[in-house]
Each structure stands twice: as C-alpha cells, then as structure tokens.
Protein backbone atom coordinates (compact mmCIF):
# COMPACT_ATOMS: atom_id res chain seq x y z
CA MET A 1 94.68 315.49 92.86
CA ARG A 2 94.80 312.66 95.47
CA ILE A 3 91.97 310.26 95.34
CA THR A 4 90.97 308.13 98.16
CA VAL A 5 89.81 304.18 97.19
CA ASP A 6 88.09 301.85 99.91
CA LEU A 7 89.34 298.58 100.02
CA ILE A 8 86.39 295.78 100.36
CA ASP A 9 87.10 292.18 101.07
CA VAL A 10 86.54 289.67 98.85
CA GLY A 11 86.36 285.70 99.04
CA GLN A 12 87.06 283.44 95.73
CA ASP A 13 87.70 280.15 95.41
CA LEU A 14 90.89 279.14 93.57
CA PHE A 15 91.22 275.73 91.59
CA GLU A 16 94.67 274.59 90.40
CA PHE A 17 94.08 272.57 87.43
CA PRO A 18 97.10 269.80 87.07
CA GLN A 19 99.31 270.34 84.38
CA LYS A 20 99.19 268.17 81.50
CA GLN A 21 101.99 265.80 81.82
CA LYS A 22 104.94 265.78 79.09
CA VAL A 23 105.68 261.66 77.51
CA THR A 24 108.89 262.19 76.71
CA TYR A 25 110.88 258.60 75.28
CA ASN A 26 113.62 257.39 76.63
CA LYS A 27 115.17 254.55 75.11
CA GLU A 28 117.56 253.29 77.85
CA ILE A 29 114.92 253.68 80.43
CA GLN A 30 112.10 251.45 78.37
CA THR A 31 114.49 248.75 77.32
CA ALA A 32 115.67 248.53 81.11
CA ASP A 33 111.71 247.85 82.14
CA LEU A 34 111.42 245.25 79.59
CA ASP A 35 114.33 243.21 80.40
CA SER A 36 113.56 243.34 84.46
CA GLU A 37 112.76 239.76 85.23
CA ASP A 38 111.14 241.12 88.48
CA GLU A 39 108.34 243.13 86.75
CA GLN A 40 108.13 241.22 83.67
CA PRO A 41 106.99 237.30 83.74
CA SER A 42 109.00 234.97 82.05
CA GLU A 43 107.46 233.12 79.05
CA GLU A 44 107.47 229.99 81.25
CA GLU A 45 105.34 231.82 84.06
CA ILE A 46 102.71 233.07 81.09
CA ARG A 47 102.45 229.25 79.71
CA THR A 48 101.89 227.85 83.12
CA ARG A 49 99.56 230.45 83.96
CA ILE A 50 97.57 229.50 80.63
CA HIS A 51 97.50 226.37 81.43
CA ARG A 52 96.26 226.65 84.36
CA GLU A 53 93.44 228.90 83.38
CA GLN A 54 92.44 226.34 80.92
CA GLU A 55 92.27 223.19 83.07
CA ALA A 56 89.85 225.70 85.41
CA GLU A 57 87.90 226.06 82.50
CA ARG A 58 88.18 222.37 82.09
CA VAL A 59 86.59 221.78 85.39
CA ALA A 60 83.95 224.00 85.51
CA ALA A 61 82.69 223.10 82.10
CA LYS A 62 82.36 219.33 83.68
CA GLU A 63 81.18 220.17 86.57
CA ARG A 64 78.68 222.10 85.21
CA GLU A 65 77.84 219.34 82.73
CA MET A 66 77.54 217.00 85.51
CA GLU A 67 75.17 219.33 87.46
CA GLU A 68 73.28 219.57 84.35
CA GLU A 69 73.03 215.73 84.13
CA SER A 70 72.03 215.31 87.61
CA ILE A 71 69.01 217.75 87.20
CA ARG A 72 68.23 216.12 83.97
CA MET A 73 68.05 212.48 85.90
CA GLU A 74 66.03 213.96 89.13
CA GLN A 75 63.51 215.38 86.33
CA GLU A 76 63.21 212.07 85.01
CA LEU A 77 63.15 210.27 88.11
CA GLU A 78 60.49 212.77 89.10
CA GLU A 79 58.35 211.79 85.88
CA GLU A 80 58.76 207.92 86.84
CA ILE A 81 57.92 207.97 90.18
CA ARG A 82 54.81 206.24 90.82
CA ASP A 83 53.06 204.72 94.22
CA LEU A 84 53.56 200.87 94.43
CA THR A 85 50.42 198.54 94.24
CA GLU A 86 50.24 196.18 97.00
CA ASP A 87 51.26 193.30 95.22
CA GLU A 88 54.41 194.71 93.55
CA ARG A 89 55.32 195.58 97.09
CA GLN A 90 54.84 192.31 98.67
CA GLY A 91 56.82 190.82 95.40
CA ILE A 92 59.66 193.28 96.15
CA LEU A 93 59.80 192.32 99.85
CA GLN A 94 59.15 188.55 99.58
CA ASP A 95 62.04 188.22 96.99
CA PRO A 96 64.34 186.00 98.57
CA ASN A 97 67.29 188.00 97.18
CA PHE A 98 66.27 191.70 98.48
CA ILE A 99 65.77 189.31 101.78
CA ASP A 100 69.10 187.69 101.44
CA PHE A 101 70.52 191.90 100.98
CA VAL A 102 68.81 192.77 103.88
CA ASP A 103 70.16 190.40 106.12
CA GLN A 104 73.35 190.50 105.15
CA SER A 105 73.84 194.52 104.60
CA SER A 106 71.76 194.55 108.10
CA LYS A 107 74.48 192.09 110.26
CA ILE A 108 77.53 194.66 108.65
CA VAL A 109 76.06 197.68 110.10
CA GLN A 110 75.12 196.03 113.55
CA ARG A 111 78.57 194.57 113.75
CA ALA A 112 80.04 198.21 112.90
CA LEU A 113 78.01 199.64 115.43
CA GLN A 114 78.54 197.23 118.46
CA ASP A 115 82.55 196.99 117.89
CA ARG A 116 83.38 197.96 121.69
CA TYR A 117 86.86 199.44 120.37
CA ASP A 118 87.06 203.11 121.24
CA TYR A 119 87.57 205.11 118.67
CA THR A 120 88.31 208.41 120.60
CA ARG A 121 91.06 206.84 123.19
CA ASP A 122 94.26 208.94 123.43
CA TYR A 123 96.93 207.37 123.88
CA ARG A 124 98.76 210.35 125.24
CA ILE A 125 97.32 209.62 128.48
CA SER A 126 98.57 207.57 130.81
CA SER A 127 96.25 203.90 131.49
CA GLU A 128 97.72 203.12 135.02
CA LEU A 129 94.56 204.43 136.44
CA ALA A 130 92.44 201.97 134.40
CA ALA A 131 94.81 199.07 135.22
CA ASP A 132 94.13 199.91 138.93
CA GLU A 133 90.65 199.28 138.72
CA LEU A 134 91.05 196.13 136.99
CA GLU A 135 93.89 194.43 139.26
CA GLY A 136 92.70 191.53 141.11
CA GLU A 137 89.31 190.99 138.48
CA LYS A 138 90.40 187.59 136.91
CA VAL A 139 87.23 186.58 135.20
CA LYS A 140 86.07 189.24 132.89
CA ARG A 141 82.60 188.92 131.76
CA VAL A 142 82.38 189.87 127.98
CA CYS A 143 79.21 189.09 126.80
CA ALA A 144 76.45 186.87 127.00
CA PHE A 145 74.47 185.81 124.04
CA PHE A 146 70.56 185.53 123.78
CA ASP A 147 67.57 185.36 121.18
CA ASP A 148 63.75 185.98 122.34
CA ARG A 149 63.24 184.32 118.89
CA TRP A 150 65.05 181.26 119.10
CA THR A 151 66.51 181.07 122.46
CA LYS A 152 63.58 181.85 125.28
CA ASN A 153 62.51 179.06 127.32
CA ARG A 154 65.42 176.82 126.09
CA SER A 155 68.04 175.46 127.61
CA VAL A 156 71.46 174.96 126.16
CA THR A 157 72.67 171.81 125.34
CA ASP A 158 76.06 172.05 123.75
CA VAL A 159 78.52 174.69 122.65
CA ASP A 160 81.83 174.26 120.15
CA TRP A 161 84.32 177.15 119.29
CA SER A 162 85.15 177.47 115.82
CA HIS A 163 88.96 176.38 114.78
CA LYS A 164 89.20 178.85 111.80
CA PHE A 165 87.29 181.98 112.95
CA PRO A 166 88.21 182.69 116.64
CA GLU A 167 85.20 184.92 116.76
CA LEU A 168 82.30 182.15 116.00
CA CYS A 169 81.01 180.01 118.46
CA VAL A 170 78.02 177.54 118.27
CA ALA A 171 75.44 176.43 120.35
CA ALA A 172 72.65 173.76 120.46
CA TYR A 173 69.42 174.19 122.43
CA ASN A 174 66.56 171.98 123.22
CA LYS A 175 62.77 172.17 122.72
CA ASN A 176 60.61 175.60 123.62
CA PRO A 177 57.52 174.06 125.29
CA THR A 178 55.49 177.25 124.71
CA ALA A 179 55.91 177.54 120.75
CA LEU A 180 54.31 174.46 119.50
CA ASN A 181 54.86 175.67 116.19
CA ASP A 182 59.10 175.92 116.50
CA PRO A 183 61.32 173.28 115.18
CA ASP A 184 61.75 171.35 118.40
CA GLY A 185 66.34 171.91 117.98
CA VAL A 186 67.88 174.69 116.74
CA VAL A 187 71.45 175.47 116.40
CA LEU A 188 72.71 178.50 116.63
CA VAL A 189 75.89 179.95 115.43
CA TRP A 190 76.99 183.34 117.57
CA ASN A 191 79.55 186.13 116.51
CA MET A 192 81.77 188.20 118.87
CA HIS A 193 81.30 190.95 116.68
CA LEU A 194 77.59 191.00 116.23
CA LEU A 195 75.86 190.89 119.70
CA GLU A 196 71.74 191.69 119.29
CA ARG A 197 71.38 188.27 116.69
CA PRO A 198 72.56 184.99 115.47
CA GLU A 199 74.81 185.16 112.61
CA PHE A 200 73.61 181.39 111.34
CA VAL A 201 70.15 179.77 112.44
CA PHE A 202 69.88 175.97 111.78
CA HIS A 203 66.77 173.81 112.52
CA SER A 204 66.10 170.50 113.40
CA GLN A 205 62.92 168.26 114.31
CA SER A 206 64.42 167.14 117.48
CA ASP A 207 66.40 168.33 120.25
CA VAL A 208 69.91 168.91 119.59
CA LEU A 209 72.23 167.34 122.67
CA ALA A 210 75.42 167.33 120.42
CA VAL A 211 77.21 170.08 118.14
CA LYS A 212 80.70 170.43 117.00
CA PHE A 213 82.48 172.55 114.33
CA SER A 214 84.50 170.96 111.82
CA PRO A 215 87.73 171.56 112.10
CA TYR A 216 89.02 171.12 108.87
CA HIS A 217 86.21 172.39 106.99
CA SER A 218 85.07 175.88 108.63
CA ASN A 219 81.59 176.06 106.90
CA LEU A 220 80.24 172.60 108.22
CA VAL A 221 78.62 172.14 111.48
CA PHE A 222 77.26 168.29 112.82
CA GLY A 223 74.55 167.87 115.03
CA GLY A 224 73.85 164.68 117.17
CA THR A 225 69.59 164.98 118.13
CA TYR A 226 67.83 163.02 120.65
CA SER A 227 66.18 161.03 118.31
CA GLY A 228 69.25 159.79 117.35
CA GLU A 229 69.70 161.52 114.31
CA ILE A 230 72.98 162.60 113.22
CA LEU A 231 72.37 166.04 111.03
CA LEU A 232 74.96 168.45 109.13
CA TRP A 233 74.29 172.08 108.11
CA ASP A 234 76.30 173.87 105.61
CA THR A 235 76.80 177.99 106.17
CA ARG A 236 77.47 178.45 102.58
CA HIS A 237 73.89 176.74 101.71
CA GLY A 238 71.90 179.43 103.01
CA LYS A 239 69.18 177.48 104.49
CA HIS A 240 67.82 176.50 108.14
CA LEU A 241 67.89 172.81 107.31
CA PRO A 242 70.44 170.49 107.02
CA VAL A 243 72.21 169.90 103.56
CA LEU A 244 72.79 165.48 104.69
CA LYS A 245 71.09 163.53 107.85
CA THR A 246 70.70 160.38 109.17
CA THR A 247 67.41 158.66 109.60
CA ARG A 248 66.32 155.82 111.69
CA SER A 249 65.91 153.35 109.18
CA SER A 250 69.87 154.12 108.05
CA LEU A 251 71.48 150.76 107.81
CA GLY A 252 73.86 150.36 111.35
CA GLY A 253 72.45 154.37 112.21
CA HIS A 254 71.96 155.68 116.03
CA PHE A 255 68.10 154.56 117.37
CA TYR A 256 69.22 156.29 121.18
CA PRO A 257 69.99 159.90 122.28
CA VAL A 258 73.55 160.82 120.75
CA TYR A 259 75.19 163.25 123.60
CA ASN A 260 78.24 163.07 122.13
CA MET A 261 80.63 163.29 119.20
CA GLN A 262 84.13 163.97 118.03
CA VAL A 263 86.11 164.67 115.15
CA VAL A 264 89.66 162.78 114.74
CA GLY A 265 91.88 162.25 112.37
CA THR A 266 93.86 164.39 109.92
CA GLN A 267 92.56 167.03 106.97
CA ASN A 268 92.98 164.68 104.21
CA ALA A 269 91.37 161.71 106.53
CA HIS A 270 89.00 161.96 109.43
CA ASN A 271 85.77 160.62 110.89
CA LEU A 272 83.00 161.70 112.27
CA ILE A 273 82.70 159.50 115.83
CA THR A 274 79.49 159.59 117.75
CA ALA A 275 78.24 157.86 120.71
CA ASP A 276 74.49 157.67 122.03
CA THR A 277 72.93 156.05 125.12
CA ASP A 278 72.86 152.58 124.11
CA GLY A 279 76.13 152.15 123.76
CA LYS A 280 76.90 152.11 120.27
CA VAL A 281 79.51 154.24 118.61
CA ASN A 282 79.91 154.80 114.99
CA SER A 283 82.46 156.54 112.41
CA TRP A 284 81.27 158.52 109.48
CA LEU A 285 82.10 159.96 106.55
CA VAL A 286 81.60 163.54 107.01
CA ASP A 287 79.94 163.54 103.61
CA MET A 288 77.97 160.49 103.20
CA LEU A 289 75.72 159.94 106.45
CA ALA A 290 73.68 157.25 104.77
CA GLN A 291 75.42 154.42 106.93
CA PRO A 292 78.03 154.63 109.18
CA GLN A 293 81.68 153.41 108.18
CA ASP A 294 81.58 151.35 110.86
CA PHE A 295 80.46 150.70 114.53
CA ILE A 296 80.82 149.20 117.28
CA GLN A 297 78.63 148.06 120.38
CA LEU A 298 80.18 148.28 123.53
CA THR A 299 78.98 145.66 126.11
CA HIS A 300 79.67 144.85 129.45
CA SER A 301 79.34 141.08 130.25
CA GLY A 302 79.38 141.80 134.08
CA HIS A 303 75.83 144.09 134.29
CA SER A 304 73.19 141.08 135.38
CA LYS A 305 70.49 143.08 133.52
CA THR A 306 71.53 144.39 130.65
CA ASP A 307 75.47 144.21 128.77
CA ASP A 308 74.47 147.50 127.28
CA VAL A 309 76.57 150.42 128.47
CA ALA A 310 75.19 153.60 128.45
CA VAL A 311 77.46 156.22 127.28
CA SER A 312 77.16 159.72 128.93
CA ALA A 313 80.54 161.02 128.28
CA MET A 314 83.42 160.69 126.06
CA ASP A 315 86.88 162.03 124.40
CA PHE A 316 89.93 160.62 122.86
CA PRO A 317 93.54 161.26 123.82
CA PRO A 318 95.36 163.50 121.68
CA ASN A 319 96.69 162.09 118.75
CA GLU A 320 94.55 158.93 118.95
CA THR A 321 92.00 157.95 116.36
CA SER A 322 90.92 154.71 117.68
CA THR A 323 91.74 154.48 121.88
CA PHE A 324 89.13 156.69 123.43
CA TYR A 325 87.46 156.45 126.97
CA VAL A 326 83.95 156.53 127.97
CA GLY A 327 81.92 157.78 130.99
CA THR A 328 78.76 156.00 131.86
CA GLU A 329 75.33 156.25 133.79
CA GLU A 330 76.39 154.06 136.52
CA GLY A 331 79.35 156.13 137.07
CA SER A 332 82.11 154.18 135.35
CA VAL A 333 84.84 154.96 133.38
CA TYR A 334 86.04 152.63 130.73
CA GLN A 335 88.74 152.53 127.34
CA ALA A 336 87.35 151.09 124.40
CA LEU A 337 89.21 150.54 121.07
CA ARG A 338 87.41 151.13 117.97
CA HIS A 339 89.83 148.39 115.68
CA ASP A 340 92.34 145.66 116.88
CA ARG A 341 95.32 146.58 118.48
CA ALA A 342 98.21 144.30 119.24
CA GLY A 343 96.40 141.35 120.08
CA VAL A 344 93.69 143.55 121.61
CA LYS A 345 90.29 143.25 120.26
CA ALA A 346 88.36 146.42 119.24
CA GLY A 347 85.74 147.27 122.24
CA LEU A 348 84.76 148.17 125.61
CA HIS A 349 88.28 147.53 127.74
CA ASN A 350 86.22 145.99 130.69
CA ALA A 351 88.58 143.93 132.58
CA ASP A 352 90.00 147.39 133.88
CA VAL A 353 87.35 149.91 135.10
CA TYR A 354 87.89 153.27 136.60
CA ARG A 355 85.26 153.46 139.22
CA SER A 356 84.53 155.80 142.06
CA HIS A 357 82.02 158.29 140.76
CA ARG A 358 78.60 157.80 142.50
CA ALA A 359 76.26 158.87 139.92
CA PRO A 360 76.49 159.18 136.28
CA VAL A 361 79.13 160.61 134.59
CA THR A 362 78.51 163.89 132.53
CA SER A 363 82.04 164.94 130.88
CA LEU A 364 84.90 163.47 130.52
CA SER A 365 88.04 165.58 129.09
CA CYS A 366 91.69 163.94 128.04
CA HIS A 367 94.31 166.28 128.42
CA LYS A 368 95.93 167.17 125.18
CA VAL A 369 98.51 170.24 126.25
CA SER A 370 102.33 169.40 124.73
CA GLY A 371 105.23 170.22 126.21
CA ALA A 372 108.44 169.60 128.41
CA VAL A 373 106.61 166.38 129.72
CA ASP A 374 103.84 163.87 128.91
CA PHE A 375 100.42 164.27 130.60
CA SER A 376 98.36 162.72 127.46
CA ASP A 377 97.44 159.43 129.79
CA LEU A 378 95.74 161.84 132.28
CA PHE A 379 92.13 162.66 132.03
CA LEU A 380 89.34 164.58 133.84
CA THR A 381 85.75 163.38 134.79
CA ALA A 382 82.79 165.64 136.25
CA SER A 383 79.68 163.75 137.74
CA MET A 384 76.30 164.37 139.09
CA ASP A 385 78.22 163.13 142.70
CA TRP A 386 79.28 167.15 142.60
CA LYS A 387 82.73 166.02 142.10
CA ILE A 388 86.14 166.19 139.90
CA LYS A 389 88.34 163.63 139.49
CA LEU A 390 91.44 162.89 138.18
CA TRP A 391 92.84 159.83 136.57
CA ARG A 392 95.55 158.07 135.09
CA GLY A 393 94.94 155.53 131.83
CA ARG A 394 96.18 152.60 132.37
CA ALA A 395 97.12 150.63 128.58
CA PRO A 396 96.28 147.37 128.41
CA ALA A 397 99.10 144.92 127.99
CA ALA A 398 99.66 143.19 124.25
CA GLY A 399 97.80 140.31 123.86
CA GLN A 400 95.94 141.08 127.45
CA SER A 401 91.75 140.12 126.90
CA ASN A 402 89.74 142.70 127.21
CA GLN A 403 86.61 140.74 128.59
CA LEU A 404 85.99 139.40 131.77
CA GLN A 405 86.33 135.89 131.82
CA GLN A 406 84.03 133.49 134.04
CA GLY A 407 84.29 134.21 137.59
CA GLN A 408 87.01 137.08 136.78
CA GLN A 409 86.94 140.62 139.16
CA ALA A 410 87.67 143.76 136.40
CA HIS A 411 90.89 145.33 137.87
CA GLU A 412 89.47 148.50 139.44
CA VAL A 413 91.70 151.59 138.52
CA HIS A 414 91.57 154.51 141.54
CA PRO A 415 91.66 158.45 140.92
CA LEU A 416 94.69 160.20 141.33
CA HIS A 417 92.87 163.44 143.42
CA THR A 418 89.26 164.02 143.54
CA PHE A 419 88.37 167.67 143.25
CA GLU A 420 85.83 168.98 145.55
CA GLY A 421 84.02 172.01 146.51
CA ALA A 422 81.06 172.13 143.94
CA ASP A 423 77.68 173.21 145.31
CA GLU A 424 75.77 170.96 143.20
CA PRO A 425 76.27 168.61 140.28
CA VAL A 426 79.09 169.42 138.22
CA TYR A 427 78.13 169.34 134.25
CA ASP A 428 81.01 169.97 132.48
CA VAL A 429 84.70 169.80 132.95
CA LYS A 430 87.56 170.70 130.37
CA TRP A 431 91.42 170.75 130.43
CA HIS A 432 92.63 174.49 129.13
CA PRO A 433 93.72 173.77 125.72
CA GLN A 434 97.49 175.81 126.28
CA HIS A 435 97.93 175.46 129.83
CA PRO A 436 99.38 171.87 131.43
CA ALA A 437 98.01 172.48 135.09
CA LEU A 438 94.54 174.71 134.15
CA PHE A 439 90.74 173.22 133.61
CA GLY A 440 87.66 174.60 134.30
CA ALA A 441 84.42 173.31 135.36
CA VAL A 442 80.89 174.50 135.25
CA ASP A 443 78.27 173.56 137.97
CA GLY A 444 73.98 173.31 138.72
CA SER A 445 74.39 176.43 140.40
CA GLY A 446 75.78 178.77 138.35
CA LYS A 447 79.25 178.93 139.31
CA PHE A 448 82.47 178.68 136.87
CA ASP A 449 85.25 177.64 138.51
CA LEU A 450 88.81 177.48 137.43
CA TRP A 451 91.28 175.33 138.71
CA ASN A 452 95.07 175.08 138.49
CA ILE A 453 96.99 172.38 140.41
CA ASN A 454 100.35 173.62 140.59
CA ALA A 455 98.91 176.48 142.50
CA ASP A 456 96.09 174.74 144.98
CA THR A 457 94.37 170.88 144.66
CA ASP A 458 91.85 172.04 147.02
CA VAL A 459 90.26 175.38 146.54
CA PRO A 460 89.92 176.70 142.36
CA THR A 461 91.65 179.61 141.52
CA VAL A 462 89.71 181.30 140.67
CA SER A 463 85.42 180.55 141.14
CA SER A 464 83.09 183.44 139.87
CA THR A 465 79.14 183.29 139.52
CA ILE A 466 77.87 183.28 136.42
CA SER A 467 74.39 182.53 135.96
CA SER A 468 71.64 182.08 138.63
CA ARG A 469 70.84 179.50 136.51
CA ALA A 470 72.66 175.43 136.14
CA LEU A 471 75.84 175.84 133.65
CA ASN A 472 75.59 173.23 131.08
CA LYS A 473 78.58 173.39 128.74
CA LEU A 474 82.06 174.77 128.55
CA VAL A 475 84.48 174.69 125.46
CA TRP A 476 87.66 177.01 125.45
CA GLU A 477 88.32 179.13 122.38
CA PRO A 478 91.02 176.65 121.37
CA LYS A 479 94.16 178.88 119.64
CA GLU A 480 95.21 181.11 123.11
CA GLY A 481 91.96 179.88 125.53
CA ARG A 482 91.82 183.07 126.65
CA ARG A 483 87.96 182.86 126.09
CA ALA A 484 85.52 180.28 127.51
CA ALA A 485 81.97 179.95 126.21
CA ILE A 486 79.27 178.65 128.99
CA GLY A 487 76.31 177.74 127.92
CA SER A 488 73.29 177.90 130.96
CA ALA A 489 70.03 176.71 131.39
CA GLU A 490 67.96 179.73 130.65
CA GLY A 491 69.12 179.59 127.15
CA ARG A 492 72.25 182.09 127.46
CA LEU A 493 75.57 181.55 126.01
CA HIS A 494 77.91 183.54 128.61
CA ILE A 495 81.27 184.26 127.03
CA VAL A 496 84.37 185.05 129.57
CA ASP A 497 88.02 186.08 129.20
CA ILE A 498 90.33 185.18 132.17
CA GLY A 499 93.00 187.35 130.91
CA ASP A 500 96.93 186.38 131.56
CA LEU A 501 95.84 182.97 133.67
CA ALA A 502 95.98 181.22 130.20
CA THR A 503 99.65 181.91 129.83
CA PRO A 504 101.70 178.96 131.06
CA ARG A 505 105.01 179.40 132.27
CA ASP A 506 107.77 177.67 131.31
CA ALA A 507 108.26 175.65 134.62
CA GLU A 508 104.38 174.99 134.55
CA TRP A 509 105.38 171.59 133.07
CA THR A 510 107.97 170.06 135.93
CA ASP A 511 105.60 171.35 138.34
CA MET A 512 102.87 169.46 137.20
CA GLN A 513 104.99 166.49 137.15
CA ARG A 514 105.78 166.99 140.76
CA VAL A 515 102.32 167.37 141.76
CA VAL A 516 100.51 164.47 139.94
CA ALA A 517 103.69 162.58 141.53
CA GLY A 518 102.73 163.62 144.55
CA MET A 519 99.41 162.74 144.58
CA PRO A 520 97.78 160.16 147.16
CA ILE A 521 95.80 157.76 145.00
CA ALA A 522 91.99 158.05 146.31
CA ARG A 523 90.14 154.99 147.01
CA ASP A 524 85.89 155.70 147.27
CA ALA A 525 83.63 153.26 147.82
CA PRO A 526 81.06 153.55 144.81
CA ILE A 527 77.33 153.33 145.21
CA PHE A 528 76.59 151.97 142.18
CA LEU A 529 77.77 148.83 141.56
CA GLU A 530 78.38 147.27 138.51
CA GLY A 531 74.51 145.82 137.12
CA GLU A 532 72.97 148.97 138.63
CA GLY A 533 73.30 150.90 136.12
CA ARG A 534 70.79 153.41 134.45
CA ARG A 535 69.99 152.86 131.19
CA ALA A 536 68.78 155.90 129.05
CA SER A 537 65.94 155.18 126.67
CA ALA A 538 63.83 157.47 125.07
CA GLY A 539 62.01 158.75 127.12
CA LEU A 540 64.62 158.03 130.46
CA GLY A 541 67.84 159.08 131.70
CA TYR A 542 69.32 162.26 130.98
CA ALA A 543 66.68 164.14 129.08
CA ASP A 544 64.35 163.74 132.46
CA SER A 545 67.06 164.72 134.94
CA ARG A 546 68.77 168.15 134.60
CA THR A 547 71.51 167.22 133.02
CA PHE A 548 72.81 167.67 129.23
CA ALA A 549 69.83 168.91 127.97
CA GLY A 550 69.27 171.18 130.52
CA TYR A 551 65.98 170.20 131.93
CA GLU A 552 64.61 170.30 135.46
CA ARG A 553 66.32 167.72 137.73
CA ARG A 554 63.10 165.22 138.29
CA ALA A 555 62.02 165.11 142.13
CA GLY A 556 63.79 162.91 144.47
CA GLY A 557 66.65 162.46 141.89
CA TYR A 558 69.97 161.17 142.26
C-alpha cells in the first residue's frame, strides 16, 4: 500500500541558548594571576592611591567649607548694608586718612598706566629699522610737565634735579595773576613716571624765584622768594606749607629778592648759601632758619651812586666753600670770599673785574667735571645782551688787597671766548656734569642750544626749538647728564634727552686743553660802566623784565 504525503514549507525561528559555563578550579592558574605584578597593584601603589583619595576628599571638604563661609558672609553683608546718610558720607570723604589713601593709591595706578615700556616687544625681531628712523636725531623730547590747576598762567622761575632719585625734578613758579585766592608762589615736584600731576605740591606766600633739592637729604627742598624769605619744605611732612622759614624780622635775613642759592660742603658739614639783589650773601644751617650762621655784604667802592652790588647770578667752583663768583645787574662779574684766606679779607674782590657783558648777567656756571686736565678755573656767563662768554678765573695773590685804593683802577679780566648766535637774551647756561667740553643754553626765543667747544666754537652742535615762549631755566640730570629739565615762561617743564652726546671720549680733556689754549682773548667795550648799574628792589629790576621770574620784558627794556 503506497501512501502519498504532501510536504509544505514551515518557517520556524531557532534560538540557541548558551550553555552554562563550567567553572573549574586550577590552582596553578589562580596562583599565577595573584603573583603577576602587571595585573595586581603593589601594596605601595594601593597606599598611594588611598592617600590621594583622602587628600582629594580633604581639599573638597575645605572648598565646601570656604564656599559655605563665603555665602554666609555675603548674607551677613546683605543684612548689614544700608545707605549712608549725607553726614556720614561727607565724614568719610573728608577724613584725612581716606584722602591720603586715595591720593597715594591713585599715584601708583597712574605710574603704572603711564609707563611707556613696551611689554609686547618681540626681541626676536631686529630693531635696525627703529635705529635708522632715529639716526640723526640728536635731542629727543621726553615729556613736558604741566598742570591746569597749578601751572596755568604761571612761569617757571627755577628748576633742579634730585641727587638721590633720578626720576624726580622740582620746579618753582611765580604768581598767577588770574587766581587771587591761590598762593602767590608754588613749588612742584615732578615724577618721570607720573606725567599727569605733580608728586608733591608746596605753597609760598611770595613768588618762589630759586629752588634747590638738598644733595644730602633727599626729602628736603629749599626755596628763595621775591620777598626775601628762605623756605624749607619736607616731603615727609605731608603738608603744602614749609616746615621752616625765615621772616623779614629775622636777624640778618634777606629783605630783597633771592634769585640764587647753593648747598656747599659735605655730608656731615654743609651750609645753604643764599644771595639777594642787594648784595647780601647769607650762610644758613639747614635745620635752623631763625638767623643766618654768618653773612657778608658785597659792596663796591668804585660805584658812584651806590656801593651795593645787585647779585643776579652766583656759583661756586668745585670743592670750594669760600671762594665764589657773582654776576651782577650792571653786567660785570666779580670773585668773592666768604671767609678770610691767605691775607685776603672776606667780601667782594673788586680789584679784579670780569667785564665784557653789555647787559645784566642772567646765569653763571663754574666748570665742575674732573678728569685728566683740571678746568676748575673756567666758568661761563650768560646775559641779556644775547651772548655767552667763557672766562678763566684769576686768583688774587697772597696779601693783595681786595678793595680798590683811592685813584686805583680795577684790573679788567677779559673773556677767553664769546659764543654768539642766540636769537634773544640768553637766560641760562650750564656746563654738562660729565662731558668737559659740553654745555647747554636756553634763550628768550624758546631755543635750546647744545655747544661742544671741541667740535666748534662758532655754532652750537645742536639747536632745538623747544617752546614758542621764552625758556628761563636749565638743569642737567646730575649722574649721567643724558637728560635736561628746561623751564619755560608758559609754565611747562620740558624734559629732553641728548643721548650719546652726553658720553665723553677719553681724549676730550686733552682736546679741550688745546682748544682753550688757542682761544684769542676777546676785548669787548662794555656799555655799562661801573656806577651805572641798576639796582633791583621790591618793585624794580628783574621782576619787571622778562628774566628769571619769566615776566614779559618791559617796553623799551635793555
């Protein structure tokens, strides 16, 4: 029997279940795994890991604690914050401690903001291009100090540079005729790293005509005034007014304008020497201005109208505390002694007269650069006759009288050389503190001239117009002499840099010796004869002409 079966297609999914793995124990394999250093951490590693985890937990706990403390303090501050009353706010703003804090901290911020150093400079890039751009530029203007509050409508009357801090210089100013409530005279200490405002501001009841940093006490500043008072300010005092001053009732004090002052001596024994336009020269102890330690009255018996000598310029030769030179309003220059020496009495040595200028002497500068050759007997003078003259001092012989005898004529000393080329009266001249043959001069046209007599005695090495107004005063930075501070009649204090011109060569001293030895002595006929000089008093003289105090020149002037 045959059976036929029909087949049909049936789709069915098959699932394969994995078999349960049989775990067997093999002692050799298990022991090898435990002993393997690659898979099993060592005891030291375990200890280190535990230590790191504990340290991380401590740091996290400390951060949580600080965060909670900060939140708590903020909540407490929010609870305590309240609006101040007007009286409380004014009390804080007027608190001297708060004012001092704001003043000092803002100065620090301004110094940092005004620092001209390029912090992004890439030293991998050559600077030859920058050097080429500056090639031939002899005098570079660094900055100009001016303050609308204190220097507007005032003129710079004197400048000086700090011997201790090369970034500090001081300037004196005369009266501001438009600000009747401001002090008549101000003295500002400027900082090269603080251009927008002065570091210190000092006040005076009279125009300040002379100012000087103490070379031995960096915090002391001396001032000479139009009224004749001598003032002393101390930067440590924190006040605008002087800590010491003379008065017109001071025994032996000045009663006429003081345009000149010098500090002479050493660290342990020094004096402040001041001279007024009445010919009185006082010596002061810096810590006692009640009365001068000693004084001399400079007189000239050859004057027909008055025997007074109106001192308009003064300077001491190097390492000298007794011998000094004075320039006068009559245009003559004299040597004087503070003390008797070698049979020569103290006072004006009028037996010798350095006569050549035809107008008042505005500045006198003794040569103070030491080197292979001694030039300490040389000095420069500037005058309102538009000329600068070079002189060689003549020491009086032992036993020689320093006064003219009846019928005796003064011995005239003539200049070694006359430097011309100024466009206006020359108001200041200064030897360079490092280069023996270099000196600078400023004049009424706003021009700064730099002379190197080793290079040329007819024209200045560099002549730069600094201002549109008269330049009154010049002082060199004392250590390197690369920079000069120049005061102007518009109240600006200009800082210029002369660069490598300030660096002398080894042969400068011998070259200058040869140049000076070859100078023909000039013999200029003076216009002012002795006895025809002009006397400066409280209302006459330099303060009425455009000279030291920077006033406009009187109509018809000299």
